[in-house]
């Protein structure tokens, strides 16, 4: 799996999106949602109502910016205005639209990611926060992964990797728990998926990267 990364914070203008031409390519936009300058005009009435209920202002703005960027990408690919893009959620909470490729989004208050590709994909971004990650390590680490419990960077890798895989298979953590996704810890620098539940397949891989010291991004995809 090869990542084509566009950092919109550095770009002059916004890159023109198009579906990747090869199955192992994943296109990724990453940006600071507070600098995106998105407006609620491209959102549906349901989205505006949903986001208005978010009390934490940075989270609300990040959600608006991420959905705005997703609608721009899909609108370009479908030949529609961003506001006209049909979006719905599956029973597992995955956003879907009538396009012939897969896509995934994630955000924190200061980092947002939109990814798309022809194979099943998932993306997650998290802030490397030692306190928060250690607090939930017991919930998401498989016993064989406990060697990561004192390393904030590795914990962030494992959490984002599991979240991205759960999105790639389309279930989120509704049908499978974080501990069900198990990584091979033989190489602590680059953990690799050893068990991906509910797929009958081990053909998934995860690629991690950082565009700033405080966040880690995981992109999971089904390799061919």
C-alpha atoms as a PDB file:
ATOM      1  CA  UNK A   1       0.000   0.000   0.000  1.00  0.00           C
ATOM      2  CA  UNK A   2       1.398   3.352  -1.067  1.00  0.00           C
ATOM      3  CA  UNK A   3       0.265   6.632   0.482  1.00  0.00           C
ATOM      4  CA  UNK A   4      -0.086   9.817  -1.592  1.00  0.00           C
ATOM      5  CA  UNK A   5      -0.039  12.531   1.056  1.00  0.00           C
ATOM      6  CA  UNK A   6      -1.193  16.119   0.570  1.00  0.00           C
ATOM      7  CA  UNK A   7      -0.650  18.414   3.562  1.00  0.00           C
ATOM      8  CA  UNK A   8      -3.178  21.157   2.959  1.00  0.00           C
ATOM      9  CA  UNK A   9      -1.519  23.392   5.540  1.00  0.00           C
ATOM     10  CA  UNK A  10       1.476  23.756   3.208  1.00  0.00           C
ATOM     11  CA  UNK A  11      -0.290  23.585  -0.119  1.00  0.00           C
ATOM     12  CA  UNK A  12      -0.895  26.619  -2.298  1.00  0.00           C
ATOM     13  CA  UNK A  13      -4.586  26.215  -2.944  1.00  0.00           C
ATOM     14  CA  UNK A  14      -6.308  22.860  -2.464  1.00  0.00           C
ATOM     15  CA  UNK A  15      -5.162  19.802  -4.454  1.00  0.00           C
ATOM     16  CA  UNK A  16      -7.691  18.566  -6.983  1.00  0.00           C
ATOM     17  CA  UNK A  17      -8.969  15.187  -5.755  1.00  0.00           C
ATOM     18  CA  UNK A  18      -9.443  12.161  -7.993  1.00  0.00           C
ATOM     19  CA  UNK A  19      -9.786   8.442  -7.282  1.00  0.00           C
ATOM     20  CA  UNK A  20      -6.380   6.712  -7.221  1.00  0.00           C
ATOM     21  CA  UNK A  21      -5.784   4.700 -10.428  1.00  0.00           C
ATOM     22  CA  UNK A  22      -4.236   1.641  -8.752  1.00  0.00           C
ATOM     23  CA  UNK A  23      -5.620  -0.643  -6.061  1.00  0.00           C
ATOM     24  CA  UNK A  24      -2.714  -0.296  -3.664  1.00  0.00           C
ATOM     25  CA  UNK A  25      -2.724   3.544  -3.697  1.00  0.00           C
ATOM     26  CA  UNK A  26      -4.410   5.579  -0.982  1.00  0.00           C
ATOM     27  CA  UNK A  27      -4.768   9.349  -1.299  1.00  0.00           C
ATOM     28  CA  UNK A  28      -4.651  11.280   1.989  1.00  0.00           C
ATOM     29  CA  UNK A  29      -5.437  14.874   2.839  1.00  0.00           C
ATOM     30  CA  UNK A  30      -4.197  16.079   6.243  1.00  0.00           C
ATOM     31  CA  UNK A  31      -4.774  19.571   7.621  1.00  0.00           C
ATOM     32  CA  UNK A  32      -5.358  21.715  10.683  1.00  0.00           C
ATOM     33  CA  UNK A  33      -9.171  21.994  10.865  1.00  0.00           C
ATOM     34  CA  UNK A  34      -8.989  25.353  12.621  1.00  0.00           C
ATOM     35  CA  UNK A  35      -7.160  26.778   9.578  1.00  0.00           C
ATOM     36  CA  UNK A  36      -9.343  25.122   6.940  1.00  0.00           C
ATOM     37  CA  UNK A  37     -11.828  27.996   6.838  1.00  0.00           C
ATOM     38  CA  UNK A  38     -14.758  25.721   6.088  1.00  0.00           C
ATOM     39  CA  UNK A  39     -18.305  26.975   6.450  1.00  0.00           C
ATOM     40  CA  UNK A  40     -21.456  25.122   7.357  1.00  0.00           C
ATOM     41  CA  UNK A  41     -23.000  26.068   3.992  1.00  0.00           C
ATOM     42  CA  UNK A  42     -21.984  22.760   2.368  1.00  0.00           C
ATOM     43  CA  UNK A  43     -23.456  20.648   5.172  1.00  0.00           C
ATOM     44  CA  UNK A  44     -26.859  18.998   5.157  1.00  0.00           C
ATOM     45  CA  UNK A  45     -29.554  20.133   7.582  1.00  0.00           C
ATOM     46  CA  UNK A  46     -29.015  16.934   9.550  1.00  0.00           C
ATOM     47  CA  UNK A  47     -25.277  17.528   9.793  1.00  0.00           C
ATOM     48  CA  UNK A  48     -25.741  21.107  10.953  1.00  0.00           C
ATOM     49  CA  UNK A  49     -28.183  19.969  13.640  1.00  0.00           C
ATOM     50  CA  UNK A  50     -25.870  17.137  14.716  1.00  0.00           C
ATOM     51  CA  UNK A  51     -22.781  19.340  14.972  1.00  0.00           C
ATOM     52  CA  UNK A  52     -24.685  22.139  16.751  1.00  0.00           C
ATOM     53  CA  UNK A  53     -25.152  19.757  19.689  1.00  0.00           C
ATOM     54  CA  UNK A  54     -21.374  19.495  20.220  1.00  0.00           C
ATOM     55  CA  UNK A  55     -20.559  21.729  23.180  1.00  0.00           C
ATOM     56  CA  UNK A  56     -16.752  21.676  22.858  1.00  0.00           C
ATOM     57  CA  UNK A  57     -16.075  24.391  20.273  1.00  0.00           C
ATOM     58  CA  UNK A  58     -12.724  23.078  18.874  1.00  0.00           C
ATOM     59  CA  UNK A  59     -14.301  19.638  18.383  1.00  0.00           C
ATOM     60  CA  UNK A  60     -17.353  21.152  16.691  1.00  0.00           C
ATOM     61  CA  UNK A  61     -15.190  23.200  14.314  1.00  0.00           C
ATOM     62  CA  UNK A  62     -13.010  20.182  13.559  1.00  0.00           C
ATOM     63  CA  UNK A  63     -16.078  18.084  12.748  1.00  0.00           C
ATOM     64  CA  UNK A  64     -17.409  20.777  10.397  1.00  0.00           C
ATOM     65  CA  UNK A  65     -14.042  21.174   8.652  1.00  0.00           C
ATOM     66  CA  UNK A  66     -13.548  17.426   8.218  1.00  0.00           C
ATOM     67  CA  UNK A  67     -17.028  16.876   6.794  1.00  0.00           C
ATOM     68  CA  UNK A  68     -16.607  19.924   4.543  1.00  0.00           C
ATOM     69  CA  UNK A  69     -13.330  18.532   3.148  1.00  0.00           C
ATOM     70  CA  UNK A  70     -14.932  15.110   2.612  1.00  0.00           C
ATOM     71  CA  UNK A  71     -17.848  16.672   0.753  1.00  0.00           C
ATOM     72  CA  UNK A  72     -15.462  18.646  -1.455  1.00  0.00           C
ATOM     73  CA  UNK A  73     -13.512  15.506  -2.377  1.00  0.00           C
ATOM     74  CA  UNK A  74     -16.628  13.429  -3.066  1.00  0.00           C
ATOM     75  CA  UNK A  75     -18.311  16.269  -4.942  1.00  0.00           C
ATOM     76  CA  UNK A  76     -15.359  16.562  -7.312  1.00  0.00           C
ATOM     77  CA  UNK A  77     -15.352  12.803  -7.923  1.00  0.00           C
ATOM     78  CA  UNK A  78     -19.128  12.658  -8.477  1.00  0.00           C
ATOM     79  CA  UNK A  79     -19.404  15.891 -10.471  1.00  0.00           C
ATOM     80  CA  UNK A  80     -21.668  17.416  -7.814  1.00  0.00           C
ATOM     81  CA  UNK A  81     -21.518  20.455  -5.586  1.00  0.00           C
ATOM     82  CA  UNK A  82     -20.240  19.577  -2.087  1.00  0.00           C
ATOM     83  CA  UNK A  83     -23.662  20.335  -0.610  1.00  0.00           C
ATOM     84  CA  UNK A  84     -25.358  17.910  -3.042  1.00  0.00           C
ATOM     85  CA  UNK A  85     -23.245  14.861  -2.163  1.00  0.00           C
ATOM     86  CA  UNK A  86     -25.449  12.074  -0.751  1.00  0.00           C
ATOM     87  CA  UNK A  87     -24.027  10.700   2.505  1.00  0.00           C
ATOM     88  CA  UNK A  88     -25.466   8.189   4.939  1.00  0.00           C
ATOM     89  CA  UNK A  89     -24.276   5.984   7.782  1.00  0.00           C
ATOM     90  CA  UNK A  90     -24.412   2.203   7.905  1.00  0.00           C
ATOM     91  CA  UNK A  91     -25.698   0.385  10.993  1.00  0.00           C
ATOM     92  CA  UNK A  92     -22.079   0.243  12.212  1.00  0.00           C
ATOM     93  CA  UNK A  93     -21.711   4.014  11.816  1.00  0.00           C
ATOM     94  CA  UNK A  94     -19.559   4.038   8.653  1.00  0.00           C
ATOM     95  CA  UNK A  95     -20.144   6.949   6.267  1.00  0.00           C
ATOM     96  CA  UNK A  96     -20.935   5.794   2.716  1.00  0.00           C
ATOM     97  CA  UNK A  97     -21.710   7.500  -0.593  1.00  0.00           C
ATOM     98  CA  UNK A  98     -22.455   6.158  -4.121  1.00  0.00           C
ATOM     99  CA  UNK A  99     -18.839   6.138  -5.358  1.00  0.00           C
ATOM    100  CA  UNK A 100     -16.784   3.213  -6.677  1.00  0.00           C
ATOM    101  CA  UNK A 101     -14.028   3.618  -4.082  1.00  0.00           C
ATOM    102  CA  UNK A 102     -13.767   3.561  -0.302  1.00  0.00           C
ATOM    103  CA  UNK A 103     -13.069   6.517   1.978  1.00  0.00           C
ATOM    104  CA  UNK A 104     -12.486   7.247   5.640  1.00  0.00           C
ATOM    105  CA  UNK A 105     -12.102  10.310   7.873  1.00  0.00           C
ATOM    106  CA  UNK A 106     -10.766  11.116  11.335  1.00  0.00           C
ATOM    107  CA  UNK A 107      -9.910  14.192  13.346  1.00  0.00           C
ATOM    108  CA  UNK A 108      -8.677  15.612  16.617  1.00  0.00           C
ATOM    109  CA  UNK A 109      -9.090  19.256  17.602  1.00  0.00           C
ATOM    110  CA  UNK A 110      -5.960  20.209  15.580  1.00  0.00           C
ATOM    111  CA  UNK A 111      -5.493  17.465  12.962  1.00  0.00           C
ATOM    112  CA  UNK A 112      -7.987  16.228  10.377  1.00  0.00           C
ATOM    113  CA  UNK A 113      -7.529  13.458   7.820  1.00  0.00           C
ATOM    114  CA  UNK A 114      -9.531  12.444   4.741  1.00  0.00           C
ATOM    115  CA  UNK A 115      -8.392   9.289   2.917  1.00  0.00           C
ATOM    116  CA  UNK A 116      -9.699   7.446  -0.125  1.00  0.00           C
ATOM    117  CA  UNK A 117      -8.692   4.458  -2.252  1.00  0.00           C
ATOM    118  CA  UNK A 118     -10.039   1.594  -4.388  1.00  0.00           C
ATOM    119  CA  UNK A 119      -9.615  -1.123  -1.739  1.00  0.00           C
ATOM    120  CA  UNK A 120     -11.220  -1.189   1.688  1.00  0.00           C
ATOM    121  CA  UNK A 121      -9.488   1.433   3.827  1.00  0.00           C
ATOM    122  CA  UNK A 122      -9.706   3.081   7.230  1.00  0.00           C
ATOM    123  CA  UNK A 123      -7.874   6.020   8.799  1.00  0.00           C
ATOM    124  CA  UNK A 124      -7.383   7.317  12.325  1.00  0.00           C
ATOM    125  CA  UNK A 125      -5.453  10.219  13.834  1.00  0.00           C
ATOM    126  CA  UNK A 126      -4.737  10.662  17.525  1.00  0.00           C
ATOM    127  CA  UNK A 127      -2.797  13.084  19.679  1.00  0.00           C
ATOM    128  CA  UNK A 128       0.140  11.438  21.466  1.00  0.00           C
ATOM    129  CA  UNK A 129      -1.081  11.976  25.018  1.00  0.00           C
ATOM    130  CA  UNK A 130       0.697   9.675  27.478  1.00  0.00           C
ATOM    131  CA  UNK A 131      -1.852  10.111  30.264  1.00  0.00           C
ATOM    132  CA  UNK A 132      -4.923   9.540  28.139  1.00  0.00           C
ATOM    133  CA  UNK A 133      -3.444   6.561  26.286  1.00  0.00           C
ATOM    134  CA  UNK A 134      -2.203   4.800  29.404  1.00  0.00           C
ATOM    135  CA  UNK A 135      -5.626   5.318  30.944  1.00  0.00           C
ATOM    136  CA  UNK A 136      -7.292   3.208  28.236  1.00  0.00           C
ATOM    137  CA  UNK A 137      -4.432   0.780  27.527  1.00  0.00           C
ATOM    138  CA  UNK A 138      -6.091  -1.921  29.618  1.00  0.00           C
ATOM    139  CA  UNK A 139      -9.158  -1.676  27.406  1.00  0.00           C
ATOM    140  CA  UNK A 140      -7.517  -1.919  23.992  1.00  0.00           C
ATOM    141  CA  UNK A 141      -4.251  -3.845  24.430  1.00  0.00           C
ATOM    142  CA  UNK A 142      -4.209  -7.587  23.843  1.00  0.00           C
ATOM    143  CA  UNK A 143      -2.058  -9.414  26.456  1.00  0.00           C
ATOM    144  CA  UNK A 144       0.620 -10.006  23.812  1.00  0.00           C
ATOM    145  CA  UNK A 145       0.851  -6.222  23.251  1.00  0.00           C
ATOM    146  CA  UNK A 146       1.448  -5.207  26.872  1.00  0.00           C
ATOM    147  CA  UNK A 147       5.112  -4.432  26.122  1.00  0.00           C
ATOM    148  CA  UNK A 148       3.843  -1.164  24.597  1.00  0.00           C
ATOM    149  CA  UNK A 149       2.130   0.071  27.763  1.00  0.00           C
ATOM    150  CA  UNK A 150       4.952   2.428  28.853  1.00  0.00           C
ATOM    151  CA  UNK A 151       5.711   3.883  25.426  1.00  0.00           C
ATOM    152  CA  UNK A 152       3.281   6.720  24.470  1.00  0.00           C
ATOM    153  CA  UNK A 153       4.342   6.698  20.819  1.00  0.00           C
ATOM    154  CA  UNK A 154       3.844   2.955  20.471  1.00  0.00           C
ATOM    155  CA  UNK A 155       0.549   3.118  22.329  1.00  0.00           C
ATOM    156  CA  UNK A 156      -0.628   5.759  19.861  1.00  0.00           C
ATOM    157  CA  UNK A 157       0.444   3.525  16.979  1.00  0.00           C
ATOM    158  CA  UNK A 158      -1.481   0.551  18.313  1.00  0.00           C
ATOM    159  CA  UNK A 159      -4.624   2.548  19.100  1.00  0.00           C
ATOM    160  CA  UNK A 160      -4.737   4.273  15.718  1.00  0.00           C
ATOM    161  CA  UNK A 161      -3.892   1.003  13.956  1.00  0.00           C
ATOM    162  CA  UNK A 162      -6.770  -0.830  15.609  1.00  0.00           C
ATOM    163  CA  UNK A 163      -9.189   2.037  14.955  1.00  0.00           C
ATOM    164  CA  UNK A 164      -8.142   2.244  11.298  1.00  0.00           C
ATOM    165  CA  UNK A 165      -8.522  -1.530  10.836  1.00  0.00           C
ATOM    166  CA  UNK A 166     -11.969  -1.479  12.454  1.00  0.00           C
ATOM    167  CA  UNK A 167     -12.998   1.239   9.993  1.00  0.00           C
ATOM    168  CA  UNK A 168     -11.473  -0.629   7.038  1.00  0.00           C
ATOM    169  CA  UNK A 169     -13.513  -3.783   7.694  1.00  0.00           C
ATOM    170  CA  UNK A 170     -16.606  -1.597   8.079  1.00  0.00           C
ATOM    171  CA  UNK A 171     -17.695  -2.598  11.590  1.00  0.00           C
ATOM    172  CA  UNK A 172     -15.936  -0.085  13.797  1.00  0.00           C
ATOM    173  CA  UNK A 173     -15.832  -1.386  17.353  1.00  0.00           C
ATOM    174  CA  UNK A 174     -19.523  -2.366  17.220  1.00  0.00           C
ATOM    175  CA  UNK A 175     -18.996  -5.999  16.203  1.00  0.00           C
ATOM    176  CA  UNK A 176     -15.456  -6.443  17.533  1.00  0.00           C
ATOM    177  CA  UNK A 177     -13.539  -5.084  20.509  1.00  0.00           C
ATOM    178  CA  UNK A 178     -10.146  -3.325  20.281  1.00  0.00           C
ATOM    179  CA  UNK A 179      -8.455  -6.323  21.926  1.00  0.00           C
ATOM    180  CA  UNK A 180      -9.695  -8.527  19.061  1.00  0.00           C
ATOM    181  CA  UNK A 181      -7.348  -6.686  16.692  1.00  0.00           C
ATOM    182  CA  UNK A 182      -3.906  -8.095  17.480  1.00  0.00           C
ATOM    183  CA  UNK A 183      -0.552  -6.781  16.274  1.00  0.00           C
ATOM    184  CA  UNK A 184       2.676  -8.721  15.935  1.00  0.00           C
ATOM    185  CA  UNK A 185       5.070  -7.017  18.344  1.00  0.00           C
ATOM    186  CA  UNK A 186       8.273  -8.732  17.199  1.00  0.00           C
ATOM    187  CA  UNK A 187       9.317  -5.484  15.518  1.00  0.00           C
ATOM    188  CA  UNK A 188       8.360  -2.693  17.916  1.00  0.00           C
ATOM    189  CA  UNK A 189       9.215  -0.004  15.359  1.00  0.00           C
ATOM    190  CA  UNK A 190       6.677  -1.303  12.845  1.00  0.00           C
ATOM    191  CA  UNK A 191       3.943  -3.484  14.408  1.00  0.00           C
ATOM    192  CA  UNK A 192       2.021  -5.520  11.826  1.00  0.00           C
ATOM    193  CA  UNK A 193      -1.553  -6.854  11.959  1.00  0.00           C
ATOM    194  CA  UNK A 194      -1.600 -10.483  13.105  1.00  0.00           C
ATOM    195  CA  UNK A 195      -5.341 -10.922  13.567  1.00  0.00           C
ATOM    196  CA  UNK A 196      -8.145  -8.892  12.019  1.00  0.00           C
ATOM    197  CA  UNK A 197     -11.517 -10.187  13.258  1.00  0.00           C
ATOM    198  CA  UNK A 198     -14.620 -10.966  11.209  1.00  0.00           C
ATOM    199  CA  UNK A 199     -12.797 -10.974   7.869  1.00  0.00           C
ATOM    200  CA  UNK A 200     -11.263 -14.426   7.431  1.00  0.00           C
ATOM    201  CA  UNK A 201      -8.378 -12.513   5.885  1.00  0.00           C
ATOM    202  CA  UNK A 202      -4.871 -11.530   6.939  1.00  0.00           C
ATOM    203  CA  UNK A 203      -4.373  -9.347   3.877  1.00  0.00           C
ATOM    204  CA  UNK A 204      -4.588  -6.078   5.760  1.00  0.00           C
ATOM    205  CA  UNK A 205      -1.673  -3.775   6.367  1.00  0.00           C
ATOM    206  CA  UNK A 206      -1.229  -0.562   8.319  1.00  0.00           C
ATOM    207  CA  UNK A 207       0.999   2.392   7.457  1.00  0.00           C
ATOM    208  CA  UNK A 208       1.742   5.037  10.089  1.00  0.00           C
ATOM    209  CA  UNK A 209       3.132   8.524   9.613  1.00  0.00           C
ATOM    210  CA  UNK A 210       3.515  11.819  11.461  1.00  0.00           C
ATOM    211  CA  UNK A 211       3.378  15.306   9.983  1.00  0.00           C
ATOM    212  CA  UNK A 212       3.962  16.944  13.364  1.00  0.00           C
ATOM    213  CA  UNK A 213       5.473  15.714  16.654  1.00  0.00           C
ATOM    214  CA  UNK A 214       2.171  15.593  18.543  1.00  0.00           C
ATOM    215  CA  UNK A 215      -0.001  13.399  16.332  1.00  0.00           C
ATOM    216  CA  UNK A 216       0.194   9.990  14.686  1.00  0.00           C
ATOM    217  CA  UNK A 217      -1.905   8.872  11.694  1.00  0.00           C
ATOM    218  CA  UNK A 218      -2.662   5.256  10.767  1.00  0.00           C
ATOM    219  CA  UNK A 219      -3.982   4.177   7.359  1.00  0.00           C
ATOM    220  CA  UNK A 220      -5.223   0.596   7.100  1.00  0.00           C
ATOM    221  CA  UNK A 221      -5.936  -1.115   3.805  1.00  0.00           C
ATOM    222  CA  UNK A 222      -6.616  -4.488   2.279  1.00  0.00           C
ATOM    223  CA  UNK A 223      -3.512  -5.477   0.318  1.00  0.00           C
ATOM    224  CA  UNK A 224      -3.828  -7.489  -2.878  1.00  0.00           C
END
